[in-house]
Protein backbone atom coordinates (compact mmCIF):
# COMPACT_ATOMS: atom_id res chain seq x y z
CA UNK A 1 152.09 221.96 27.30
CA UNK A 2 150.30 218.59 27.53
CA UNK A 3 152.23 215.66 26.12
CA UNK A 4 151.71 211.90 26.07
CA UNK A 5 154.64 210.51 28.07
CA UNK A 6 155.86 206.92 27.83
CA UNK A 7 155.79 205.59 31.39
CA UNK A 8 156.17 201.85 30.78
CA UNK A 9 156.71 199.22 28.10
CA UNK A 10 156.35 195.48 27.77
CA UNK A 11 156.50 192.68 25.22
CA UNK A 12 155.49 189.06 24.72
CA UNK A 13 156.62 186.30 22.37
CA UNK A 14 155.18 182.84 21.77
CA UNK A 15 157.04 180.05 23.53
CA UNK A 16 158.02 178.31 20.31
CA UNK A 17 161.12 179.69 18.56
CA UNK A 18 161.75 178.53 14.99
CA UNK A 19 165.26 178.76 13.55
CA UNK A 20 166.22 179.06 9.89
CA UNK A 21 167.43 175.47 10.03
CA UNK A 22 163.93 174.36 11.01
CA UNK A 23 162.44 176.49 8.23
CA UNK A 24 164.74 174.71 5.78
CA UNK A 25 163.07 171.45 6.74
CA UNK A 26 159.68 172.89 5.78
CA UNK A 27 160.41 174.73 2.51
CA UNK A 28 163.17 174.91 -0.09
CA UNK A 29 165.47 177.39 1.64
CA UNK A 30 168.58 177.59 3.80
CA UNK A 31 169.97 179.56 6.69
CA UNK A 32 172.47 181.24 4.35
CA UNK A 33 169.76 182.26 1.86
CA UNK A 34 167.54 183.79 4.55
CA UNK A 35 170.32 185.60 6.43
CA UNK A 36 171.89 187.04 3.28
CA UNK A 37 168.61 188.50 2.01
CA UNK A 38 166.89 189.48 5.25
CA UNK A 39 169.17 189.23 8.28
CA UNK A 40 166.60 186.97 9.96
CA UNK A 41 167.88 184.00 11.99
CA UNK A 42 164.91 183.19 14.20
CA UNK A 43 161.21 183.84 14.65
CA UNK A 44 158.50 182.89 17.18
CA UNK A 45 155.36 181.04 16.11
CA UNK A 46 152.13 181.00 18.13
CA UNK A 47 150.88 177.63 19.35
CA UNK A 48 147.28 176.55 19.78
CA UNK A 49 145.74 178.74 22.46
CA UNK A 50 148.17 181.60 21.82
CA UNK A 51 146.29 184.36 20.01
CA UNK A 52 146.74 188.00 19.17
CA UNK A 53 144.66 188.88 22.24
CA UNK A 54 146.59 186.69 24.68
CA UNK A 55 149.96 187.95 23.43
CA UNK A 56 148.70 191.56 23.56
CA UNK A 57 147.43 191.10 27.10
CA UNK A 58 150.75 189.59 28.25
CA UNK A 59 152.68 192.52 26.79
CA UNK A 60 150.19 194.99 28.27
CA UNK A 61 150.50 193.53 31.77
CA UNK A 62 154.27 193.96 31.65
CA UNK A 63 153.93 197.54 30.42
CA UNK A 64 151.43 198.39 33.18
CA UNK A 65 153.73 196.81 35.78
CA UNK A 66 156.72 198.75 34.44
CA UNK A 67 154.68 201.95 34.75
CA UNK A 68 153.87 201.17 38.38
CA UNK A 69 150.16 201.22 37.63
CA UNK A 70 147.17 198.91 37.86
CA UNK A 71 144.85 197.88 34.99
CA UNK A 72 142.11 200.07 36.48
CA UNK A 73 144.33 203.11 35.77
CA UNK A 74 144.01 202.56 31.99
CA UNK A 75 141.23 204.52 30.30
CA UNK A 76 142.10 203.87 26.65
CA UNK A 77 143.37 200.86 24.69
CA UNK A 78 144.39 201.22 21.06
CA UNK A 79 145.48 197.92 19.54
CA UNK A 80 147.20 197.77 16.17
CA UNK A 81 146.81 194.44 14.39
CA UNK A 82 146.21 192.88 10.98
CA UNK A 83 145.44 189.51 12.57
CA UNK A 84 142.55 190.04 15.00
CA UNK A 85 141.10 187.18 17.01
CA UNK A 86 137.71 187.74 15.38
CA UNK A 87 136.27 189.87 12.58
CA UNK A 88 134.43 191.61 15.40
CA UNK A 89 134.39 192.67 18.16
CA UNK A 90 137.70 194.49 18.27
CA UNK A 91 140.52 192.45 19.76
CA UNK A 92 141.23 195.46 22.01
CA UNK A 93 138.00 194.71 23.86
CA UNK A 94 139.17 191.14 24.50
CA UNK A 95 142.44 192.52 25.85
CA UNK A 96 140.50 194.92 28.03
CA UNK A 97 138.54 192.00 29.49
CA UNK A 98 141.68 189.90 30.01
CA UNK A 99 143.27 192.79 31.90
CA UNK A 100 140.13 193.51 33.92
CA UNK A 101 139.97 197.24 33.11
CA UNK A 102 136.35 197.52 32.02
CA UNK A 103 134.46 200.61 30.92
CA UNK A 104 137.14 202.63 29.14
CA UNK A 105 137.69 203.16 25.43
CA UNK A 106 139.02 200.19 23.44
CA UNK A 107 139.36 199.72 19.68
CA UNK A 108 141.61 198.29 16.96
CA UNK A 109 143.63 200.08 14.28
CA UNK A 110 144.41 198.37 10.97
CA UNK A 111 147.49 199.71 9.20
CA UNK A 112 149.52 196.48 9.04
CA UNK A 113 153.24 197.08 9.76
CA UNK A 114 152.65 200.80 10.33
CA UNK A 115 149.83 200.02 12.73
CA UNK A 116 151.70 200.83 15.92
CA UNK A 117 152.63 204.29 14.59
CA UNK A 118 148.99 204.91 13.65
CA UNK A 119 147.85 203.67 17.08
CA UNK A 120 150.43 205.83 18.85
CA UNK A 121 149.39 208.99 16.99
CA UNK A 122 145.71 208.24 17.64
CA UNK A 123 146.20 207.65 21.36
CA UNK A 124 148.41 210.74 21.63
CA UNK A 125 145.71 212.91 20.08
CA UNK A 126 143.04 211.50 22.40
CA UNK A 127 145.14 211.98 25.52
CA UNK A 128 146.04 215.55 24.64
CA UNK A 129 142.37 216.41 24.15
CA UNK A 130 141.44 214.93 27.52
CA UNK A 131 139.47 211.85 26.43
CA UNK A 132 141.57 209.73 28.80
CA UNK A 133 144.42 210.17 31.26
CA UNK A 134 146.36 207.02 30.44
CA UNK A 135 146.46 204.77 27.39
CA UNK A 136 147.76 201.38 26.41
CA UNK A 137 149.14 201.39 22.87
CA UNK A 138 149.69 197.85 21.64
CA UNK A 139 150.98 196.19 18.49
CA UNK A 140 150.17 192.48 18.36
CA UNK A 141 150.15 189.90 15.60
CA UNK A 142 149.81 186.19 14.88
CA UNK A 143 151.00 186.55 11.29
CA UNK A 144 151.82 182.86 11.09
CA UNK A 145 148.07 182.24 10.71
CA UNK A 146 147.95 184.04 7.34
CA UNK A 147 151.19 182.74 5.82
CA UNK A 148 151.40 180.43 2.83
CA UNK A 149 153.79 177.86 4.26
CA UNK A 150 154.67 176.64 0.76
CA UNK A 151 155.84 180.09 -0.39
CA UNK A 152 159.47 180.39 0.69
CA UNK A 153 159.64 184.05 -0.34
CA UNK A 154 157.15 185.08 2.37
CA UNK A 155 156.85 182.40 5.06
CA UNK A 156 160.48 182.83 6.19
CA UNK A 157 160.00 186.56 6.76
CA UNK A 158 157.35 186.75 9.47
CA UNK A 159 156.84 185.89 13.12
CA UNK A 160 154.34 186.40 15.94
CA UNK A 161 154.52 188.61 19.02
CA UNK A 162 153.26 191.68 20.83
CA UNK A 163 154.64 194.90 22.28
CA UNK A 164 152.96 197.59 24.36
CA UNK A 165 153.59 200.98 25.91
CA UNK A 166 151.66 202.95 28.52
CA UNK A 167 151.18 206.64 27.75
CA UNK A 168 150.22 209.19 30.39
CA UNK A 169 149.06 212.74 29.71
CA UNK A 170 151.33 215.12 31.60
CA UNK A 171 152.01 218.84 31.64
CA UNK A 172 155.66 219.31 30.59
CA UNK A 173 157.87 222.06 29.26
CA UNK A 174 159.13 222.22 25.69
CA UNK A 175 162.23 220.14 26.48
CA UNK A 176 160.29 217.62 28.55
CA UNK A 177 159.38 214.03 27.77
CA UNK A 178 156.57 212.77 25.56
CA UNK A 179 155.46 212.37 21.98
CA UNK A 180 156.79 215.44 20.18
CA UNK A 181 155.56 214.96 16.62
CA UNK A 182 154.04 212.26 14.41
CA UNK A 183 153.71 212.10 10.64
CA UNK A 184 151.55 209.48 8.89
CA UNK A 185 150.95 208.64 5.22
CA UNK A 186 149.10 206.17 3.02
CA UNK A 187 148.94 205.44 -0.72
CA UNK A 188 146.39 202.85 -1.77
CA UNK A 189 147.69 202.74 -5.34
CA UNK A 190 150.21 200.08 -4.32
CA UNK A 191 147.77 197.52 -2.91
CA UNK A 192 148.97 194.76 -5.24
CA UNK A 193 152.56 194.90 -3.98
CA UNK A 194 151.78 193.69 -0.45
CA UNK A 195 148.38 192.30 0.49
CA UNK A 196 146.33 189.34 1.72
CA UNK A 197 144.35 187.56 -1.01
CA UNK A 198 141.18 187.20 1.05
CA UNK A 199 138.66 189.15 3.06
CA UNK A 200 135.19 189.13 4.56
CA UNK A 201 133.42 191.06 1.78
CA UNK A 202 135.42 189.68 -1.16
CA UNK A 203 136.19 185.98 -0.72
CA UNK A 204 134.69 185.20 2.66
CA UNK A 205 138.05 183.72 3.65
CA UNK A 206 141.03 184.92 5.66
CA UNK A 207 143.48 184.61 2.75
CA UNK A 208 147.28 184.48 2.66
CA UNK A 209 150.04 187.08 2.48
CA UNK A 210 151.27 187.94 -1.03
CA UNK A 211 154.21 190.25 -1.68
CA UNK A 212 156.42 191.55 -4.46
CA UNK A 213 159.59 191.92 -2.43
CA UNK A 214 161.78 194.03 -4.71
CA UNK A 215 159.14 196.69 -5.27
CA UNK A 216 158.31 196.82 -1.56
CA UNK A 217 162.01 197.24 -0.71
CA UNK A 218 162.35 200.18 -3.10
CA UNK A 219 159.27 201.98 -1.77
CA UNK A 220 160.24 201.29 1.84
CA UNK A 221 163.66 202.92 1.61
CA UNK A 222 162.32 205.96 -0.25
CA UNK A 223 159.22 206.50 1.89
CA UNK A 224 160.91 205.94 5.23
CA UNK A 225 163.80 208.28 4.45
CA UNK A 226 161.31 210.92 3.30
CA UNK A 227 159.07 210.75 6.40
CA UNK A 228 162.06 210.81 8.74
CA UNK A 229 163.39 213.92 6.99
CA UNK A 230 159.95 215.54 7.33
CA UNK A 231 159.75 214.83 11.08
CA UNK A 232 163.23 216.28 11.62
CA UNK A 233 162.39 219.36 9.58
CA UNK A 234 159.08 219.96 11.37
CA UNK A 235 160.66 219.61 14.83
CA UNK A 236 163.91 221.45 14.17
CA UNK A 237 166.10 218.51 15.13
CA UNK A 238 168.89 216.96 13.07
CA UNK A 239 169.92 213.34 12.59
CA UNK A 240 172.80 214.00 15.02
CA UNK A 241 170.29 214.88 17.76
CA UNK A 242 168.64 211.46 17.62
CA UNK A 243 169.83 209.03 20.30
CA UNK A 244 168.02 205.96 18.93
CA UNK A 245 166.04 204.95 15.88
CA UNK A 246 163.54 202.15 16.47
CA UNK A 247 162.44 201.02 13.02
CA UNK A 248 159.94 198.49 11.79
CA UNK A 249 161.86 195.22 11.74
CA UNK A 250 161.10 193.99 8.21
CA UNK A 251 164.48 193.36 6.68
CA UNK A 252 168.02 194.16 7.78
CA UNK A 253 168.84 195.53 4.33
CA UNK A 254 165.99 198.06 4.55
CA UNK A 255 167.24 199.17 7.96
CA UNK A 256 170.78 199.60 6.64
CA UNK A 257 169.71 201.42 3.48
CA UNK A 258 167.43 203.84 5.33
CA UNK A 259 170.10 204.64 7.92
CA UNK A 260 172.69 205.30 5.20
CA UNK A 261 170.31 207.55 3.28
CA UNK A 262 169.86 209.74 6.37
CA UNK A 263 173.49 209.56 7.46
CA UNK A 264 172.59 207.74 10.69
CA UNK A 265 175.28 205.52 12.23
CA UNK A 266 174.32 201.86 12.47
CA UNK A 267 175.02 201.82 16.20
CA UNK A 268 172.04 204.18 16.74
CA UNK A 269 169.57 201.76 15.13
CA UNK A 270 167.81 199.20 17.34
CA UNK A 271 167.77 195.87 15.49
CA UNK A 272 165.75 192.82 16.56
CA UNK A 273 164.79 191.44 13.14
CA UNK A 274 167.42 188.72 13.48
CA UNK A 275 165.58 187.19 16.46
CA UNK A 276 161.94 188.18 15.90
CA UNK A 277 161.65 188.40 12.07
CA UNK A 278 158.90 190.71 10.81
CA UNK A 279 156.13 190.83 13.41
CA UNK A 280 154.20 193.51 11.53
CA UNK A 281 152.49 195.96 13.95
CA UNK A 282 154.30 194.34 16.90
CA UNK A 283 157.81 194.94 15.60
CA UNK A 284 158.33 198.56 16.69
CA UNK A 285 157.08 198.12 20.29
CA UNK A 286 158.93 194.78 20.59
CA UNK A 287 162.20 196.43 19.56
CA UNK A 288 161.52 199.47 21.76
CA UNK A 289 160.89 197.32 24.84
CA UNK A 290 164.02 195.25 24.17
CA UNK A 291 166.15 198.41 24.07
CA UNK A 292 164.52 199.85 27.20
CA UNK A 293 165.00 196.67 29.21
CA UNK A 294 168.64 196.17 28.21
CA UNK A 295 169.43 199.77 29.17
CA UNK A 296 170.12 201.25 25.75
CA UNK A 297 167.12 203.59 25.75
CA UNK A 298 167.18 205.78 28.86
CA UNK A 299 165.16 208.69 30.28
CA UNK A 300 165.95 211.87 28.36
CA UNK A 301 166.81 210.06 25.12
CA UNK A 302 165.36 211.33 21.84
CA UNK A 303 163.91 208.34 19.99
CA UNK A 304 162.60 208.11 16.43
CA UNK A 305 160.04 205.39 15.70
CA UNK A 306 159.31 204.55 12.07
CA UNK A 307 157.52 201.94 9.98
CA UNK A 308 156.06 201.10 6.58
CA UNK A 309 153.54 198.43 5.71
CA UNK A 310 150.93 197.19 3.27
CA UNK A 311 148.54 199.73 1.90
CA UNK A 312 151.05 201.28 1.52
CA UNK A 313 151.04 203.00 4.90
CA UNK A 314 154.05 204.61 6.55
CA UNK A 315 154.93 207.03 9.27
CA UNK A 316 157.29 208.18 12.02
CA UNK A 317 157.05 209.58 15.54
CA UNK A 318 159.64 211.50 17.51
CA UNK A 319 159.49 210.82 21.24
CA UNK A 320 161.48 212.13 24.20
CA UNK A 321 161.70 209.39 26.82
């Protein structure tokens, strides 16, 4: 069978790291308050000149290098972001130009924190149908640009960054590597629980992030547990078969609650939210790359990726490395 195999990964973070102590100098909060409620201790904030495209391109270069390829080998770029450089053209085309791999397919996907899962499933489908041989799947955000820095309930939660993987279409056997199964969902009825209060066709402004945290937490735990159970059922695997879970890094309490609901041991969950905060579409590939580079995720491992974001959108993908 043809599968999309992960052959390289990379990530990029802005140079500026902002601790909880520094956040406490900006808004009425404290390190203790943030850590207790979210598990976050640090986040990275983009400086002038650092954009979603530049971060995405940096992460992509590292992923291409890890794959032992050149930019010219990439025929497809799918970039997940809620914070594009421009309304149009797609930020993926700017990344394509920065990498110097002209002429292939390049477009953005907008599914907020679930964006990387949507981008992964889209690229996987296109590779398996022969539209390209290799794809860059990127999650990149400069969420700091849409934060209300006077709202302590949201501005402490988010950070900027980018993560990328290179997928290659390969013929493998049933036990071989690659994307095994993806499940995606959306429910637009919950728009008012997590959204940006601006837009091109409504206010003509970018807007700021607004969130009702308790309601989002409740939906996140329920929806993520449900989609993970569906993926396991559809593939015939059990929670015990999973080597690593790489979740969206929104809140340490959501990670803990979801793992408990599925009976997954905490030591199987990759956690980077303490250092990166919530980087929206970038959080899953950032965490994945961190675990690959420190040796936790190894060839042959069965890895579950999962995320939920505004929309609501949510999903999961099971991948053999």
